[in-house]
């Protein structure tokens, strides 16, 4: 299948317009809202009290489930099949932009439809030659549009050979911003600093300009104890990461202060299935990334 054939197929899918509305499995409901808030550490009581869903949950309400099947008129599914046939069998999501018109309320039954926006390619990327596919999803409540999402993926043909792992010492240097400068200044002094609101005392991570609990713009910080437990973890094998030799373990840690933080778990065998477990106590350590870079990391609590 050549470039002109792919473009012709894309034009056919685009001309078909919006897919038929697909209904969510359940109406907007409080148990799912509570689960979402717990998973993200969102303590805003307004959602449950007022019976409205966090706007970023919009995609949750119409997910087809683990064993769901794409509809035959789904534009992303149609273009995926075309590019698979052309040999572009690998996929990676590149970006997502959501627009919310209003919050959805408990009890509302949502539907979603999708259309193909554009197909651009072939493009040379670090992953290999591929095509960028952009779709637009629109969510409706009783016929009223409540949110949209532009979603872009890259369908690519992997190169024949895997890229060589990055050399030790070439770790990516942290990027400072006005909101995170205090954190990295603390790391330089071997302190794990967590943002704390000077108005209400709420501790949060990652940091931001406005308190998520009271809305105050009075950021301060507290030095963490450096203790916690493993909330979740992955063993990273691919892709290669600058300054790291795969495989290695990345953990999401429940800190004693009530927030969660990602970091590498050092001093364990990543190929040992018993080396790490959910709930395992860990403690802070410091990792030399080379070139003067120091990073917070975790080790099994002694």
C-alpha atoms as a PDB file:
ATOM      1  CA  UNK A   1       0.000   0.000   0.000  1.00  0.00           C
ATOM      2  CA  UNK A   2       1.578   3.294  -1.122  1.00  0.00           C
ATOM      3  CA  UNK A   3       1.238   6.888   0.089  1.00  0.00           C
ATOM      4  CA  UNK A   4      -1.542   7.822  -2.337  1.00  0.00           C
ATOM      5  CA  UNK A   5      -3.602   4.774  -1.316  1.00  0.00           C
ATOM      6  CA  UNK A   6      -3.307   5.720   2.364  1.00  0.00           C
ATOM      7  CA  UNK A   7      -4.330   9.308   1.628  1.00  0.00           C
ATOM      8  CA  UNK A   8      -7.302   8.092  -0.423  1.00  0.00           C
ATOM      9  CA  UNK A   9      -8.418   5.849   2.431  1.00  0.00           C
ATOM     10  CA  UNK A  10      -8.062   8.759   4.860  1.00  0.00           C
ATOM     11  CA  UNK A  11     -10.200  10.974   2.639  1.00  0.00           C
ATOM     12  CA  UNK A  12     -12.893   8.289   2.519  1.00  0.00           C
ATOM     13  CA  UNK A  13     -12.944   8.014   6.328  1.00  0.00           C
ATOM     14  CA  UNK A  14     -12.948  11.809   6.703  1.00  0.00           C
ATOM     15  CA  UNK A  15     -15.845  12.173   4.246  1.00  0.00           C
ATOM     16  CA  UNK A  16     -17.921   9.727   6.293  1.00  0.00           C
ATOM     17  CA  UNK A  17     -18.147  12.381   9.029  1.00  0.00           C
ATOM     18  CA  UNK A  18     -19.137  11.623  12.605  1.00  0.00           C
ATOM     19  CA  UNK A  19     -19.531   8.066  13.768  1.00  0.00           C
ATOM     20  CA  UNK A  20     -22.849   6.962  15.227  1.00  0.00           C
ATOM     21  CA  UNK A  21     -23.249   8.040  18.891  1.00  0.00           C
ATOM     22  CA  UNK A  22     -21.986   5.376  21.271  1.00  0.00           C
ATOM     23  CA  UNK A  23     -23.544   5.275  24.733  1.00  0.00           C
ATOM     24  CA  UNK A  24     -21.570   4.792  27.909  1.00  0.00           C
ATOM     25  CA  UNK A  25     -22.106   1.620  29.905  1.00  0.00           C
ATOM     26  CA  UNK A  26     -23.338   3.508  32.975  1.00  0.00           C
ATOM     27  CA  UNK A  27     -24.646   6.989  33.744  1.00  0.00           C
ATOM     28  CA  UNK A  28     -22.379   9.436  35.564  1.00  0.00           C
ATOM     29  CA  UNK A  29     -22.185   8.070  39.114  1.00  0.00           C
ATOM     30  CA  UNK A  30     -20.691   8.843  42.522  1.00  0.00           C
ATOM     31  CA  UNK A  31     -18.781   5.547  43.048  1.00  0.00           C
ATOM     32  CA  UNK A  32     -16.711   6.173  39.910  1.00  0.00           C
ATOM     33  CA  UNK A  33     -16.146   9.814  40.901  1.00  0.00           C
ATOM     34  CA  UNK A  34     -14.929   8.748  44.346  1.00  0.00           C
ATOM     35  CA  UNK A  35     -12.594   6.145  42.806  1.00  0.00           C
ATOM     36  CA  UNK A  36     -11.165   8.735  40.408  1.00  0.00           C
ATOM     37  CA  UNK A  37     -10.559  11.225  43.240  1.00  0.00           C
ATOM     38  CA  UNK A  38      -8.888   8.559  45.365  1.00  0.00           C
ATOM     39  CA  UNK A  39      -6.624   7.441  42.511  1.00  0.00           C
ATOM     40  CA  UNK A  40      -5.505  11.004  41.743  1.00  0.00           C
ATOM     41  CA  UNK A  41      -5.408  12.261  45.319  1.00  0.00           C
ATOM     42  CA  UNK A  42      -8.037  14.904  44.499  1.00  0.00           C
ATOM     43  CA  UNK A  43      -9.635  15.934  47.818  1.00  0.00           C
ATOM     44  CA  UNK A  44     -12.027  18.574  46.469  1.00  0.00           C
ATOM     45  CA  UNK A  45     -15.331  17.819  48.293  1.00  0.00           C
ATOM     46  CA  UNK A  46     -17.429  19.780  45.805  1.00  0.00           C
ATOM     47  CA  UNK A  47     -17.737  16.950  43.267  1.00  0.00           C
ATOM     48  CA  UNK A  48     -19.482  14.572  45.669  1.00  0.00           C
ATOM     49  CA  UNK A  49     -21.373  17.300  47.523  1.00  0.00           C
ATOM     50  CA  UNK A  50     -22.774  18.849  44.335  1.00  0.00           C
ATOM     51  CA  UNK A  51     -23.033  15.648  42.309  1.00  0.00           C
ATOM     52  CA  UNK A  52     -20.798  16.774  39.451  1.00  0.00           C
ATOM     53  CA  UNK A  53     -17.870  14.927  37.862  1.00  0.00           C
ATOM     54  CA  UNK A  54     -14.316  16.265  37.528  1.00  0.00           C
ATOM     55  CA  UNK A  55     -14.140  17.574  33.942  1.00  0.00           C
ATOM     56  CA  UNK A  56     -11.086  15.454  33.091  1.00  0.00           C
ATOM     57  CA  UNK A  57     -13.180  12.320  33.724  1.00  0.00           C
ATOM     58  CA  UNK A  58     -15.136  12.909  30.516  1.00  0.00           C
ATOM     59  CA  UNK A  59     -13.524  10.004  28.659  1.00  0.00           C
ATOM     60  CA  UNK A  60     -14.183   7.618  31.558  1.00  0.00           C
ATOM     61  CA  UNK A  61     -17.957   7.622  31.095  1.00  0.00           C
ATOM     62  CA  UNK A  62     -17.903   6.163  27.584  1.00  0.00           C
ATOM     63  CA  UNK A  63     -14.939   3.793  27.734  1.00  0.00           C
ATOM     64  CA  UNK A  64     -16.004   0.457  26.236  1.00  0.00           C
ATOM     65  CA  UNK A  65     -14.253  -1.620  28.900  1.00  0.00           C
ATOM     66  CA  UNK A  66     -11.375  -4.067  28.809  1.00  0.00           C
ATOM     67  CA  UNK A  67     -13.048  -6.331  26.258  1.00  0.00           C
ATOM     68  CA  UNK A  68     -14.912  -3.669  24.320  1.00  0.00           C
ATOM     69  CA  UNK A  69     -14.936  -3.791  20.540  1.00  0.00           C
ATOM     70  CA  UNK A  70     -14.618  -0.723  18.306  1.00  0.00           C
ATOM     71  CA  UNK A  71     -17.666   0.104  16.207  1.00  0.00           C
ATOM     72  CA  UNK A  72     -17.266  -0.501  12.478  1.00  0.00           C
ATOM     73  CA  UNK A  73     -17.630   3.229  11.761  1.00  0.00           C
ATOM     74  CA  UNK A  74     -15.058   4.323  14.360  1.00  0.00           C
ATOM     75  CA  UNK A  75     -12.611   6.533  12.407  1.00  0.00           C
ATOM     76  CA  UNK A  76      -9.580   5.723  14.547  1.00  0.00           C
ATOM     77  CA  UNK A  77     -10.217   2.008  14.188  1.00  0.00           C
ATOM     78  CA  UNK A  78     -10.643   2.334  10.418  1.00  0.00           C
ATOM     79  CA  UNK A  79      -7.401   4.282   9.954  1.00  0.00           C
ATOM     80  CA  UNK A  80      -5.549   1.954  12.296  1.00  0.00           C
ATOM     81  CA  UNK A  81      -6.544  -0.988  10.105  1.00  0.00           C
ATOM     82  CA  UNK A  82      -5.419   0.838   6.942  1.00  0.00           C
ATOM     83  CA  UNK A  83      -2.005   1.677   8.388  1.00  0.00           C
ATOM     84  CA  UNK A  84      -1.554  -1.787   9.897  1.00  0.00           C
ATOM     85  CA  UNK A  85      -2.060  -3.246   6.425  1.00  0.00           C
ATOM     86  CA  UNK A  86       0.532  -0.806   5.061  1.00  0.00           C
ATOM     87  CA  UNK A  87       3.112  -2.050   7.588  1.00  0.00           C
ATOM     88  CA  UNK A  88       2.831   0.768  10.131  1.00  0.00           C
ATOM     89  CA  UNK A  89       1.944  -1.631  12.923  1.00  0.00           C
ATOM     90  CA  UNK A  90       3.285   0.175  15.994  1.00  0.00           C
ATOM     91  CA  UNK A  91       1.467   2.973  17.764  1.00  0.00           C
ATOM     92  CA  UNK A  92       2.182   5.669  20.324  1.00  0.00           C
ATOM     93  CA  UNK A  93      -0.104   8.423  21.554  1.00  0.00           C
ATOM     94  CA  UNK A  94       1.438  11.856  20.993  1.00  0.00           C
ATOM     95  CA  UNK A  95      -0.921  14.445  22.457  1.00  0.00           C
ATOM     96  CA  UNK A  96      -4.463  15.069  23.622  1.00  0.00           C
ATOM     97  CA  UNK A  97      -6.390  18.342  23.927  1.00  0.00           C
ATOM     98  CA  UNK A  98      -9.722  18.470  25.758  1.00  0.00           C
ATOM     99  CA  UNK A  99     -12.304  21.271  25.860  1.00  0.00           C
ATOM    100  CA  UNK A 100     -15.057  21.290  28.490  1.00  0.00           C
ATOM    101  CA  UNK A 101     -18.297  23.223  27.939  1.00  0.00           C
ATOM    102  CA  UNK A 102     -19.794  22.353  31.315  1.00  0.00           C
ATOM    103  CA  UNK A 103     -19.519  19.825  34.112  1.00  0.00           C
ATOM    104  CA  UNK A 104     -21.593  16.670  33.771  1.00  0.00           C
ATOM    105  CA  UNK A 105     -23.904  15.670  36.597  1.00  0.00           C
ATOM    106  CA  UNK A 106     -24.633  12.427  38.407  1.00  0.00           C
ATOM    107  CA  UNK A 107     -27.366  10.542  36.580  1.00  0.00           C
ATOM    108  CA  UNK A 108     -26.656  11.964  33.121  1.00  0.00           C
ATOM    109  CA  UNK A 109     -26.207   9.346  30.384  1.00  0.00           C
ATOM    110  CA  UNK A 110     -23.467  10.366  27.959  1.00  0.00           C
ATOM    111  CA  UNK A 111     -22.805   9.417  24.363  1.00  0.00           C
ATOM    112  CA  UNK A 112     -19.714  10.003  22.253  1.00  0.00           C
ATOM    113  CA  UNK A 113     -19.136  10.293  18.527  1.00  0.00           C
ATOM    114  CA  UNK A 114     -15.890  10.672  16.617  1.00  0.00           C
ATOM    115  CA  UNK A 115     -14.668  11.993  13.296  1.00  0.00           C
ATOM    116  CA  UNK A 116     -11.333  11.928  11.495  1.00  0.00           C
ATOM    117  CA  UNK A 117      -9.650  15.330  11.483  1.00  0.00           C
ATOM    118  CA  UNK A 118      -6.412  14.743   9.574  1.00  0.00           C
ATOM    119  CA  UNK A 119      -3.841  12.160   8.536  1.00  0.00           C
ATOM    120  CA  UNK A 120      -0.325  13.501   7.961  1.00  0.00           C
ATOM    121  CA  UNK A 121       2.626  11.547   6.586  1.00  0.00           C
ATOM    122  CA  UNK A 122       4.790   9.850   5.923  1.00  0.00           C
ATOM    123  CA  UNK A 123       7.064  11.486   8.510  1.00  0.00           C
ATOM    124  CA  UNK A 124      10.486  10.509   9.738  1.00  0.00           C
ATOM    125  CA  UNK A 125      10.536  10.283  13.548  1.00  0.00           C
ATOM    126  CA  UNK A 126      12.929   8.942  16.182  1.00  0.00           C
ATOM    127  CA  UNK A 127      10.713   5.848  16.386  1.00  0.00           C
ATOM    128  CA  UNK A 128      10.693   5.272  12.646  1.00  0.00           C
ATOM    129  CA  UNK A 129       8.716   6.353   9.592  1.00  0.00           C
ATOM    130  CA  UNK A 130       5.051   6.876  10.345  1.00  0.00           C
ATOM    131  CA  UNK A 131       1.759   8.707   9.957  1.00  0.00           C
ATOM    132  CA  UNK A 132       0.097  11.071  12.440  1.00  0.00           C
ATOM    133  CA  UNK A 133      -3.635  10.417  12.810  1.00  0.00           C
ATOM    134  CA  UNK A 134      -5.841  13.006  14.549  1.00  0.00           C
ATOM    135  CA  UNK A 135      -9.440  12.367  15.559  1.00  0.00           C
ATOM    136  CA  UNK A 136     -12.015  14.566  17.301  1.00  0.00           C
ATOM    137  CA  UNK A 137     -14.369  13.069  19.869  1.00  0.00           C
ATOM    138  CA  UNK A 138     -17.488  14.919  21.031  1.00  0.00           C
ATOM    139  CA  UNK A 139     -19.447  13.976  24.164  1.00  0.00           C
ATOM    140  CA  UNK A 140     -23.167  14.692  24.466  1.00  0.00           C
ATOM    141  CA  UNK A 141     -25.625  14.733  27.350  1.00  0.00           C
ATOM    142  CA  UNK A 142     -29.184  14.590  26.079  1.00  0.00           C
ATOM    143  CA  UNK A 143     -28.097  15.915  22.698  1.00  0.00           C
ATOM    144  CA  UNK A 144     -26.125  18.820  24.206  1.00  0.00           C
ATOM    145  CA  UNK A 145     -22.371  18.828  23.473  1.00  0.00           C
ATOM    146  CA  UNK A 146     -20.519  18.953  26.793  1.00  0.00           C
ATOM    147  CA  UNK A 147     -16.872  18.272  25.822  1.00  0.00           C
ATOM    148  CA  UNK A 148     -14.522  17.663  22.905  1.00  0.00           C
ATOM    149  CA  UNK A 149     -11.153  15.966  22.569  1.00  0.00           C
ATOM    150  CA  UNK A 150      -8.550  16.169  19.817  1.00  0.00           C
ATOM    151  CA  UNK A 151      -6.505  12.976  20.041  1.00  0.00           C
ATOM    152  CA  UNK A 152      -3.399  12.300  17.969  1.00  0.00           C
ATOM    153  CA  UNK A 153      -1.429   9.090  17.565  1.00  0.00           C
ATOM    154  CA  UNK A 154       1.626   8.113  15.550  1.00  0.00           C
ATOM    155  CA  UNK A 155       1.347   4.860  13.605  1.00  0.00           C
ATOM    156  CA  UNK A 156       4.914   3.924  12.723  1.00  0.00           C
ATOM    157  CA  UNK A 157       7.056   1.201  11.228  1.00  0.00           C
ATOM    158  CA  UNK A 158       9.768   0.361  13.779  1.00  0.00           C
ATOM    159  CA  UNK A 159      13.362   0.460  12.536  1.00  0.00           C
ATOM    160  CA  UNK A 160      15.052  -2.876  11.930  1.00  0.00           C
ATOM    161  CA  UNK A 161      17.560  -2.410  14.737  1.00  0.00           C
ATOM    162  CA  UNK A 162      16.939  -1.150  18.238  1.00  0.00           C
ATOM    163  CA  UNK A 163      18.752   2.091  19.128  1.00  0.00           C
ATOM    164  CA  UNK A 164      21.760   1.671  21.391  1.00  0.00           C
ATOM    165  CA  UNK A 165      21.123   2.427  25.071  1.00  0.00           C
ATOM    166  CA  UNK A 166      22.211   5.872  26.198  1.00  0.00           C
ATOM    167  CA  UNK A 167      25.654   6.091  27.747  1.00  0.00           C
ATOM    168  CA  UNK A 168      25.827   6.342  31.552  1.00  0.00           C
ATOM    169  CA  UNK A 169      26.250   9.913  32.713  1.00  0.00           C
ATOM    170  CA  UNK A 170      24.064  11.411  29.987  1.00  0.00           C
ATOM    171  CA  UNK A 171      21.009  11.745  32.232  1.00  0.00           C
ATOM    172  CA  UNK A 172      18.484  14.376  31.239  1.00  0.00           C
ATOM    173  CA  UNK A 173      18.966  17.453  33.410  1.00  0.00           C
ATOM    174  CA  UNK A 174      15.928  18.619  35.409  1.00  0.00           C
ATOM    175  CA  UNK A 175      14.047  21.606  33.987  1.00  0.00           C
ATOM    176  CA  UNK A 176      13.387  24.347  36.546  1.00  0.00           C
ATOM    177  CA  UNK A 177      10.304  26.573  36.617  1.00  0.00           C
ATOM    178  CA  UNK A 178       9.059  29.172  39.059  1.00  0.00           C
ATOM    179  CA  UNK A 179       6.832  26.519  40.627  1.00  0.00           C
ATOM    180  CA  UNK A 180       9.512  23.821  40.948  1.00  0.00           C
ATOM    181  CA  UNK A 181      12.655  25.834  41.734  1.00  0.00           C
ATOM    182  CA  UNK A 182      12.200  25.288  45.492  1.00  0.00           C
ATOM    183  CA  UNK A 183      12.025  21.513  44.949  1.00  0.00           C
ATOM    184  CA  UNK A 184      15.246  21.275  42.946  1.00  0.00           C
ATOM    185  CA  UNK A 185      17.036  23.693  45.271  1.00  0.00           C
ATOM    186  CA  UNK A 186      16.129  21.290  48.062  1.00  0.00           C
ATOM    187  CA  UNK A 187      17.416  18.313  46.084  1.00  0.00           C
ATOM    188  CA  UNK A 188      20.732  20.138  45.663  1.00  0.00           C
ATOM    189  CA  UNK A 189      20.879  20.333  49.477  1.00  0.00           C
ATOM    190  CA  UNK A 190      19.707  16.717  49.922  1.00  0.00           C
ATOM    191  CA  UNK A 191      16.259  17.814  51.131  1.00  0.00           C
ATOM    192  CA  UNK A 192      13.033  16.399  49.747  1.00  0.00           C
ATOM    193  CA  UNK A 193      10.786  19.464  49.757  1.00  0.00           C
ATOM    194  CA  UNK A 194       7.020  19.202  49.306  1.00  0.00           C
ATOM    195  CA  UNK A 195       4.874  22.196  48.495  1.00  0.00           C
ATOM    196  CA  UNK A 196       2.643  23.327  51.371  1.00  0.00           C
ATOM    197  CA  UNK A 197       0.011  26.043  51.232  1.00  0.00           C
ATOM    198  CA  UNK A 198       0.802  28.803  53.735  1.00  0.00           C
ATOM    199  CA  UNK A 199      -2.918  29.625  53.954  1.00  0.00           C
ATOM    200  CA  UNK A 200      -4.478  26.238  54.780  1.00  0.00           C
ATOM    201  CA  UNK A 201      -1.522  23.876  55.269  1.00  0.00           C
ATOM    202  CA  UNK A 202      -2.439  21.533  52.389  1.00  0.00           C
ATOM    203  CA  UNK A 203       0.572  19.524  51.166  1.00  0.00           C
ATOM    204  CA  UNK A 204       0.685  18.686  47.455  1.00  0.00           C
ATOM    205  CA  UNK A 205       2.953  17.126  44.846  1.00  0.00           C
ATOM    206  CA  UNK A 206       3.692  17.883  42.096  1.00  0.00           C
ATOM    207  CA  UNK A 207       3.772  21.584  42.943  1.00  0.00           C
ATOM    208  CA  UNK A 208       1.696  24.265  41.273  1.00  0.00           C
ATOM    209  CA  UNK A 209       0.943  27.975  41.512  1.00  0.00           C
ATOM    210  CA  UNK A 210      -2.461  27.662  43.246  1.00  0.00           C
ATOM    211  CA  UNK A 211      -3.550  25.547  46.213  1.00  0.00           C
ATOM    212  CA  UNK A 212      -5.982  22.845  45.068  1.00  0.00           C
ATOM    213  CA  UNK A 213      -7.698  22.872  48.471  1.00  0.00           C
ATOM    214  CA  UNK A 214      -8.389  26.558  49.138  1.00  0.00           C
ATOM    215  CA  UNK A 215      -7.306  28.380  45.967  1.00  0.00           C
ATOM    216  CA  UNK A 216      -4.705  30.538  47.736  1.00  0.00           C
ATOM    217  CA  UNK A 217      -1.575  31.652  45.896  1.00  0.00           C
ATOM    218  CA  UNK A 218       0.713  31.336  48.928  1.00  0.00           C
ATOM    219  CA  UNK A 219       3.062  28.419  48.225  1.00  0.00           C
ATOM    220  CA  UNK A 220       5.568  27.354  50.845  1.00  0.00           C
ATOM    221  CA  UNK A 221       7.182  23.998  51.554  1.00  0.00           C
ATOM    222  CA  UNK A 222       7.847  21.355  54.160  1.00  0.00           C
ATOM    223  CA  UNK A 223      10.819  18.972  54.226  1.00  0.00           C
ATOM    224  CA  UNK A 224       9.556  15.393  53.864  1.00  0.00           C
ATOM    225  CA  UNK A 225      10.590  12.651  56.256  1.00  0.00           C
ATOM    226  CA  UNK A 226      11.697  10.552  53.303  1.00  0.00           C
ATOM    227  CA  UNK A 227       9.611   7.522  54.215  1.00  0.00           C
ATOM    228  CA  UNK A 228       6.656   5.838  52.559  1.00  0.00           C
ATOM    229  CA  UNK A 229       5.260   2.691  50.999  1.00  0.00           C
ATOM    230  CA  UNK A 230       5.008   1.437  47.431  1.00  0.00           C
ATOM    231  CA  UNK A 231       1.613   2.283  45.948  1.00  0.00           C
ATOM    232  CA  UNK A 232       2.400   0.837  42.499  1.00  0.00           C
ATOM    233  CA  UNK A 233       5.407  -0.003  40.336  1.00  0.00           C
ATOM    234  CA  UNK A 234       6.613  -0.975  36.872  1.00  0.00           C
ATOM    235  CA  UNK A 235       9.759  -2.623  35.570  1.00  0.00           C
ATOM    236  CA  UNK A 236      10.950  -0.436  32.697  1.00  0.00           C
ATOM    237  CA  UNK A 237      12.480  -2.266  29.742  1.00  0.00           C
ATOM    238  CA  UNK A 238      11.857   0.044  26.766  1.00  0.00           C
ATOM    239  CA  UNK A 239      12.386   2.614  25.372  1.00  0.00           C
ATOM    240  CA  UNK A 240      15.981   3.395  26.362  1.00  0.00           C
ATOM    241  CA  UNK A 241      16.208   6.344  28.750  1.00  0.00           C
ATOM    242  CA  UNK A 242      19.221   8.713  28.920  1.00  0.00           C
ATOM    243  CA  UNK A 243      21.413   7.884  31.890  1.00  0.00           C
ATOM    244  CA  UNK A 244      19.614   4.608  32.662  1.00  0.00           C
ATOM    245  CA  UNK A 245      20.428   0.991  31.847  1.00  0.00           C
ATOM    246  CA  UNK A 246      17.244  -1.059  31.497  1.00  0.00           C
ATOM    247  CA  UNK A 247      15.631  -2.911  33.080  1.00  0.00           C
ATOM    248  CA  UNK A 248      15.014  -0.864  36.217  1.00  0.00           C
ATOM    249  CA  UNK A 249      12.158  -0.398  38.676  1.00  0.00           C
ATOM    250  CA  UNK A 250      10.054   2.765  38.861  1.00  0.00           C
ATOM    251  CA  UNK A 251       7.838   3.103  41.941  1.00  0.00           C
ATOM    252  CA  UNK A 252       4.928   5.345  42.852  1.00  0.00           C
ATOM    253  CA  UNK A 253       5.390   5.995  46.570  1.00  0.00           C
ATOM    254  CA  UNK A 254       2.757   6.956  49.147  1.00  0.00           C
ATOM    255  CA  UNK A 255       4.749   9.388  51.265  1.00  0.00           C
ATOM    256  CA  UNK A 256       4.160   9.708  55.002  1.00  0.00           C
ATOM    257  CA  UNK A 257       3.006  13.279  54.335  1.00  0.00           C
ATOM    258  CA  UNK A 258      -0.003  12.038  52.328  1.00  0.00           C
ATOM    259  CA  UNK A 259       1.123  12.688  48.750  1.00  0.00           C
ATOM    260  CA  UNK A 260       2.554  10.416  46.051  1.00  0.00           C
ATOM    261  CA  UNK A 261       5.859  10.678  44.214  1.00  0.00           C
ATOM    262  CA  UNK A 262       7.513   8.766  41.370  1.00  0.00           C
ATOM    263  CA  UNK A 263      11.120   7.650  41.490  1.00  0.00           C
ATOM    264  CA  UNK A 264      13.505   4.816  40.739  1.00  0.00           C
ATOM    265  CA  UNK A 265      13.815   1.990  43.252  1.00  0.00           C
ATOM    266  CA  UNK A 266      17.510   1.229  43.547  1.00  0.00           C
ATOM    267  CA  UNK A 267      19.351  -1.677  45.135  1.00  0.00           C
ATOM    268  CA  UNK A 268      16.952  -4.385  43.901  1.00  0.00           C
ATOM    269  CA  UNK A 269      17.067  -6.935  41.099  1.00  0.00           C
ATOM    270  CA  UNK A 270      14.462  -5.740  38.562  1.00  0.00           C
ATOM    271  CA  UNK A 271      14.161  -9.273  37.151  1.00  0.00           C
ATOM    272  CA  UNK A 272      13.362 -10.799  40.563  1.00  0.00           C
ATOM    273  CA  UNK A 273       9.537 -10.988  40.804  1.00  0.00           C
ATOM    274  CA  UNK A 274       9.769 -10.869  44.602  1.00  0.00           C
ATOM    275  CA  UNK A 275      12.067  -7.849  44.821  1.00  0.00           C
ATOM    276  CA  UNK A 276       9.274  -5.277  45.082  1.00  0.00           C
ATOM    277  CA  UNK A 277       5.640  -5.433  46.167  1.00  0.00           C
ATOM    278  CA  UNK A 278       2.755  -3.066  46.738  1.00  0.00           C
ATOM    279  CA  UNK A 279       2.762  -1.816  50.327  1.00  0.00           C
ATOM    280  CA  UNK A 280       6.492  -2.407  50.809  1.00  0.00           C
ATOM    281  CA  UNK A 281       8.141   0.225  53.061  1.00  0.00           C
ATOM    282  CA  UNK A 282      10.768   2.367  51.309  1.00  0.00           C
ATOM    283  CA  UNK A 283      12.989   5.261  52.268  1.00  0.00           C
ATOM    284  CA  UNK A 284      14.622   8.132  50.469  1.00  0.00           C
ATOM    285  CA  UNK A 285      18.075   7.921  48.959  1.00  0.00           C
ATOM    286  CA  UNK A 286      20.015  10.076  46.518  1.00  0.00           C
ATOM    287  CA  UNK A 287      21.117   9.039  43.063  1.00  0.00           C
ATOM    288  CA  UNK A 288      24.140  10.468  41.262  1.00  0.00           C
ATOM    289  CA  UNK A 289      23.102  11.065  37.659  1.00  0.00           C
ATOM    290  CA  UNK A 290      26.515  12.303  36.531  1.00  0.00           C
ATOM    291  CA  UNK A 291      27.472  15.765  35.305  1.00  0.00           C
ATOM    292  CA  UNK A 292      26.597  17.166  38.729  1.00  0.00           C
ATOM    293  CA  UNK A 293      22.965  15.991  38.573  1.00  0.00           C
ATOM    294  CA  UNK A 294      21.481  14.563  41.776  1.00  0.00           C
ATOM    295  CA  UNK A 295      18.048  12.926  41.811  1.00  0.00           C
ATOM    296  CA  UNK A 296      15.833  11.652  44.624  1.00  0.00           C
ATOM    297  CA  UNK A 297      15.322   7.888  44.530  1.00  0.00           C
ATOM    298  CA  UNK A 298      14.030   5.139  46.787  1.00  0.00           C
ATOM    299  CA  UNK A 299      15.414   2.027  48.437  1.00  0.00           C
ATOM    300  CA  UNK A 300      13.903  -0.736  50.530  1.00  0.00           C
ATOM    301  CA  UNK A 301      13.534   0.517  54.108  1.00  0.00           C
ATOM    302  CA  UNK A 302      16.226  -0.861  56.380  1.00  0.00           C
END
